[in-house]
Protein backbone atom coordinates (compact mmCIF):
# COMPACT_ATOMS: atom_id res chain seq x y z
CA MET A 1 -12.91 9.40 -6.09
CA LEU A 2 -10.87 9.04 -3.41
CA VAL A 3 -7.10 10.69 -3.00
CA ASP A 4 -3.91 9.15 -1.13
CA SER A 5 -2.95 12.10 0.55
CA HIS A 6 0.31 10.67 1.47
CA CYS A 7 2.50 7.95 -0.06
CA HIS A 8 6.21 7.32 -1.03
CA LEU A 9 5.97 5.90 -5.00
CA ASP A 10 9.73 6.46 -4.89
CA PHE A 11 10.50 3.58 -2.39
CA PRO A 12 12.26 0.91 -3.42
CA ASP A 13 9.73 -1.48 -2.18
CA LEU A 14 7.38 -0.26 -4.88
CA ALA A 15 9.64 -0.04 -8.01
CA ASP A 16 9.24 -3.14 -9.60
CA ASP A 17 5.59 -2.75 -10.39
CA LEU A 18 5.14 0.80 -9.98
CA ASP A 19 3.11 1.15 -13.33
CA GLU A 20 0.48 -1.60 -12.06
CA VAL A 21 0.39 -0.19 -8.61
CA VAL A 22 -0.77 3.58 -9.66
CA ALA A 23 -3.45 1.41 -12.21
CA ARG A 24 -4.89 -0.80 -9.57
CA ALA A 25 -5.02 2.71 -7.61
CA HIS A 26 -7.26 4.14 -10.27
CA ARG A 27 -9.24 0.92 -10.51
CA ALA A 28 -10.08 0.81 -7.06
CA GLY A 29 -11.10 4.82 -7.29
CA VAL A 30 -8.18 6.47 -5.91
CA GLY A 31 -8.39 9.06 -8.38
CA HIS A 32 -5.29 10.80 -7.48
CA MET A 33 -1.90 10.49 -5.36
CA LEU A 34 0.90 12.56 -3.32
CA THR A 35 3.97 11.16 -3.32
CA ILE A 36 6.46 12.42 -0.60
CA CYS A 37 9.60 13.28 -0.54
CA THR A 38 12.25 12.46 2.58
CA HIS A 39 15.52 13.65 1.65
CA VAL A 40 15.69 16.81 -0.17
CA THR A 41 19.17 15.08 -1.75
CA ARG A 42 16.96 12.78 -3.15
CA PHE A 43 13.94 15.40 -4.88
CA GLU A 44 14.93 14.46 -8.31
CA GLN A 45 13.98 10.91 -8.40
CA VAL A 46 10.45 11.85 -5.93
CA LEU A 47 9.70 14.79 -9.05
CA ALA A 48 10.74 12.02 -11.88
CA VAL A 49 7.77 9.73 -10.24
CA ALA A 50 5.46 12.67 -10.09
CA ARG A 51 6.21 13.67 -13.86
CA ARG A 52 5.80 9.90 -14.91
CA PHE A 53 1.59 9.94 -14.23
CA GLU A 54 -0.52 12.04 -14.46
CA THR A 55 -2.41 11.76 -11.25
CA VAL A 56 0.59 12.09 -9.37
CA ASP A 57 2.02 14.99 -7.45
CA CYS A 58 4.63 15.44 -5.06
CA THR A 59 6.16 17.33 -2.33
CA VAL A 60 9.88 18.80 -1.29
CA GLY A 61 11.44 18.40 2.04
CA ILE A 62 13.58 16.59 4.55
CA HIS A 63 11.96 14.04 7.33
CA PRO A 64 13.03 14.40 10.87
CA HIS A 65 14.85 11.44 11.12
CA GLU A 66 17.01 12.80 8.06
CA ALA A 67 17.02 16.11 9.65
CA GLY A 68 20.69 15.23 11.22
CA SER A 69 21.99 13.62 8.18
CA GLU A 70 20.50 15.74 5.07
CA PRO A 71 22.00 18.81 4.24
CA GLU A 72 20.72 22.10 6.17
CA THR A 73 17.94 23.42 4.06
CA SER A 74 16.89 26.65 3.97
CA ALA A 75 12.53 28.20 2.94
CA GLU A 76 14.00 29.95 -0.11
CA THR A 77 15.69 26.45 -1.06
CA LEU A 78 12.81 24.76 -0.65
CA MET A 79 10.52 27.62 -2.31
CA ALA A 80 12.84 27.44 -5.49
CA LEU A 81 12.39 23.72 -6.15
CA ALA A 82 8.72 24.25 -5.63
CA ARG A 83 8.36 26.03 -8.69
CA ASP A 84 7.99 23.33 -10.88
CA PRO A 85 4.05 22.71 -11.47
CA LYS A 86 4.22 18.90 -10.39
CA VAL A 87 5.30 20.19 -6.50
CA ILE A 88 2.38 20.91 -4.58
CA GLY A 89 3.73 21.07 -1.09
CA PHE A 90 6.50 20.89 1.39
CA GLY A 91 7.47 18.03 3.56
CA GLU A 92 7.31 15.44 5.17
CA THR A 93 8.89 17.38 8.12
CA GLY A 94 8.44 17.67 11.94
CA LEU A 95 9.57 16.02 14.92
CA ASP A 96 9.65 12.67 15.73
CA PHE A 97 10.84 12.14 19.51
CA PHE A 98 10.33 8.00 19.24
CA TYR A 99 12.65 7.03 17.15
CA GLU A 100 15.25 10.48 17.16
CA HIS A 101 17.25 9.77 14.49
CA SER A 102 18.20 13.17 14.37
CA PRO A 103 18.88 15.48 17.37
CA ARG A 104 15.73 17.42 18.41
CA ASP A 105 17.41 20.69 18.05
CA ALA A 106 18.12 20.01 14.39
CA GLN A 107 14.80 18.62 13.90
CA GLU A 108 13.50 22.11 15.48
CA ARG A 109 14.85 23.98 12.84
CA SER A 110 13.97 21.96 10.08
CA PHE A 111 10.65 22.40 10.82
CA ARG A 112 10.91 25.82 11.32
CA GLU A 113 12.30 26.57 7.97
CA HIS A 114 9.49 24.49 6.03
CA ILE A 115 6.78 25.86 7.53
CA ARG A 116 7.85 29.32 6.91
CA ALA A 117 8.18 28.28 3.26
CA ALA A 118 4.96 27.26 3.25
CA ARG A 119 3.51 30.80 5.06
CA ASP A 120 5.44 32.56 1.95
CA THR A 121 4.01 30.79 -0.82
CA GLY A 122 0.68 29.21 0.10
CA LEU A 123 2.07 25.77 -0.13
CA PRO A 124 0.77 23.39 2.66
CA VAL A 125 3.45 21.70 4.46
CA VAL A 126 2.89 17.72 5.40
CA ILE A 127 3.73 17.49 9.33
CA HIS A 128 5.45 13.96 10.48
CA THR A 129 4.65 14.10 14.42
CA ARG A 130 5.54 11.22 16.91
CA ASP A 131 6.10 11.22 20.97
CA ALA A 132 6.15 15.16 20.59
CA ASP A 133 2.72 16.30 21.10
CA ALA A 134 3.96 19.27 23.40
CA ASP A 135 6.36 20.08 21.36
CA MET A 136 5.20 19.87 18.25
CA ILE A 137 1.71 21.96 19.93
CA ARG A 138 4.58 24.71 21.24
CA ILE A 139 5.82 25.17 17.66
CA LEU A 140 2.74 25.29 15.61
CA GLU A 141 1.25 27.77 17.61
CA GLU A 142 4.95 29.78 17.94
CA GLU A 143 5.10 29.89 14.00
CA HIS A 144 0.95 30.35 13.56
CA ARG A 145 1.59 33.75 16.08
CA ALA A 146 4.16 34.64 12.98
CA GLY A 147 1.73 34.74 10.25
CA PRO A 148 -1.26 31.94 9.49
CA PHE A 149 0.12 28.76 7.20
CA PRO A 150 -1.62 25.91 5.01
CA GLY A 151 -0.84 21.90 5.92
CA LEU A 152 -1.72 19.19 7.97
CA ILE A 153 -0.53 16.38 10.18
CA HIS A 154 -0.14 13.53 8.33
CA CYS A 155 -0.86 9.57 9.47
CA PHE A 156 -2.28 11.22 13.19
CA SER A 157 -1.95 8.61 16.27
CA SER A 158 -1.48 11.37 18.52
CA GLY A 159 -3.91 12.54 21.45
CA PRO A 160 -6.88 14.86 21.16
CA GLU A 161 -5.22 17.61 22.45
CA LEU A 162 -2.52 17.97 19.23
CA ALA A 163 -5.96 17.27 17.03
CA HIS A 164 -7.89 20.02 18.58
CA ARG A 165 -5.24 22.35 18.73
CA ALA A 166 -4.36 22.09 14.90
CA VAL A 167 -7.57 22.17 13.75
CA ALA A 168 -7.91 25.59 15.38
CA LEU A 169 -5.04 26.66 13.83
CA GLY A 170 -6.55 25.63 10.61
CA LEU A 171 -4.62 22.77 9.83
CA MET A 172 -6.17 19.47 8.61
CA ILE A 173 -5.69 15.65 9.93
CA SER A 174 -4.67 12.84 7.82
CA ILE A 175 -5.66 9.28 8.76
CA SER A 176 -4.02 6.29 8.04
CA GLY A 177 -4.44 2.62 8.09
CA ILE A 178 -4.13 2.90 11.62
CA VAL A 179 -7.34 3.68 11.99
CA THR A 180 -8.13 0.10 11.34
CA PHE A 181 -5.92 -1.64 13.95
CA LYS A 182 -7.69 -3.64 16.49
CA LYS A 183 -5.78 -1.78 19.48
CA ALA A 184 -6.60 1.81 17.86
CA ASP A 185 -9.82 2.40 20.19
CA ALA A 186 -8.36 5.93 21.28
CA LEU A 187 -7.70 6.95 17.40
CA ARG A 188 -11.21 6.27 16.38
CA GLU A 189 -12.16 8.03 19.61
CA THR A 190 -10.41 11.15 18.11
CA VAL A 191 -11.36 10.91 14.38
CA ARG A 192 -14.86 11.04 15.36
CA GLU A 193 -14.39 14.29 17.57
CA ILE A 194 -12.40 16.12 14.60
CA PRO A 195 -14.67 17.74 12.16
CA LEU A 196 -15.54 16.22 8.18
CA SER A 197 -14.43 19.29 6.81
CA HIS A 198 -10.78 19.06 8.21
CA LEU A 199 -10.13 15.18 7.37
CA LEU A 200 -7.99 13.30 4.94
CA VAL A 201 -6.81 9.81 4.49
CA GLU A 202 -3.71 8.45 3.30
CA THR A 203 -1.77 5.03 2.99
CA ASP A 204 1.38 5.88 3.80
CA ALA A 205 2.61 3.33 1.13
CA PRO A 206 4.75 0.97 1.70
CA TYR A 207 4.23 1.12 5.13
CA LEU A 208 1.05 0.44 7.72
CA ALA A 209 -1.09 -1.55 5.25
CA PRO A 210 -4.89 -1.01 6.45
CA VAL A 211 -6.90 -4.27 7.99
CA PRO A 212 -7.79 -6.61 5.88
CA LYS A 213 -4.01 -6.45 4.71
CA ARG A 214 -1.86 -5.71 7.27
CA GLY A 215 1.51 -7.41 7.23
CA LYS A 216 1.44 -7.09 3.33
CA ARG A 217 3.08 -4.03 1.50
CA ASN A 218 0.80 -1.18 1.52
CA GLU A 219 0.01 0.59 -1.67
CA PRO A 220 -2.69 3.54 -2.61
CA ALA A 221 -5.35 1.23 -3.53
CA PHE A 222 -5.96 0.01 -0.13
CA THR A 223 -6.99 3.36 0.47
CA ALA A 224 -10.77 2.53 0.53
CA PHE A 225 -9.92 0.71 3.26
CA THR A 226 -8.86 3.33 5.43
CA ALA A 227 -11.56 5.25 4.43
CA ASP A 228 -14.43 2.69 5.11
CA VAL A 229 -13.82 2.62 8.69
CA VAL A 230 -13.40 6.50 8.82
CA ALA A 231 -16.99 6.75 7.51
CA GLN A 232 -18.19 4.14 9.97
CA VAL A 233 -16.40 6.05 12.91
CA LYS A 234 -18.22 9.19 11.42
CA GLY A 235 -21.51 7.52 11.08
CA ILE A 236 -21.45 8.16 7.22
CA PRO A 237 -21.65 6.46 3.60
CA PRO A 238 -18.56 5.85 2.21
CA ALA A 239 -19.34 8.01 -0.87
CA ASP A 240 -20.13 10.38 1.23
CA LEU A 241 -16.48 10.52 2.92
CA ALA A 242 -14.90 9.89 -0.26
CA ALA A 243 -16.16 13.32 -1.44
CA ALA A 244 -15.44 15.38 1.71
CA THR A 245 -12.13 14.30 1.66
CA THR A 246 -11.11 14.41 -1.72
CA ASP A 247 -12.82 18.18 -1.73
CA THR A 248 -10.72 19.14 1.32
CA PHE A 249 -7.41 17.65 -0.37
CA PHE A 250 -7.95 19.79 -3.60
CA ARG A 251 -9.15 22.65 -1.27
CA LEU A 252 -5.56 22.81 0.60
CA PHE A 253 -3.17 21.83 -2.48
CA THR A 254 -4.42 24.52 -4.63
CA LYS A 255 -1.90 23.73 -6.55
CA ALA A 256 -3.04 20.10 -7.46
CA ARG A 257 -4.81 19.52 -10.52
CA ARG A 258 -8.11 17.93 -10.04
CA PRO A 259 -8.98 15.23 -12.61
CA ALA A 260 -11.54 16.39 -15.04
CA ALA A 261 -13.94 13.26 -14.57
CA ALA A 262 -14.00 13.92 -10.66
CA ALA A 263 -14.58 18.15 -11.17
CA ALA A 264 -17.14 16.93 -13.33
CA GLU A 265 -19.25 14.87 -10.32
């Protein structure tokens, strides 16, 4: 079994055939999916998708792109929304200094509130980072000194220093279809260095479809293409990679219910 640790099943791109998207994922061996919140003002739509499917859970949070336009949201508000049994983490949150759709100070304030919610509840924080390695390391290490918290950096495409520093703090690293791209040699080398026990796989659907589906709408069924390349990079059979990343997901997201069939295996 594979887990798609990061997708956006509430996005319009997937709305017209969502039932079939989830069914195709199951047929491809993807037994669990985590659909990610990007706007706290749209959380109810995200939660509705998670409630619709037994094998889908969700998060609550504000994407860094939206940190300047969404209401400033405290850790207490995030924690209250996370009381629902289908909500198993916070985010996605973090820093994006490539697009800078929101002011940097607003991104940092929002990020720190999500981390505080993770620390206080033990639920993981899902972190987005782009062109912000130095500030990401600074915030993660400052916040860790205030108290450890669980989490992962999703769709990892940063340099090896951030990967090593994040792993040293106990954070996980999630790999998307970018690892399959022809020019992603640097990322593949970083993946080779990350301990298997700290790796997850994801699609970030409907974006970033892996080779051989690149250029098409991404969906959770395509997790296997990414997982196969990660397995090749790590020099292990795909079944071993699937087992390890699935175990890591349920070890990190302690509130998620592992499907009975997978647990029996």
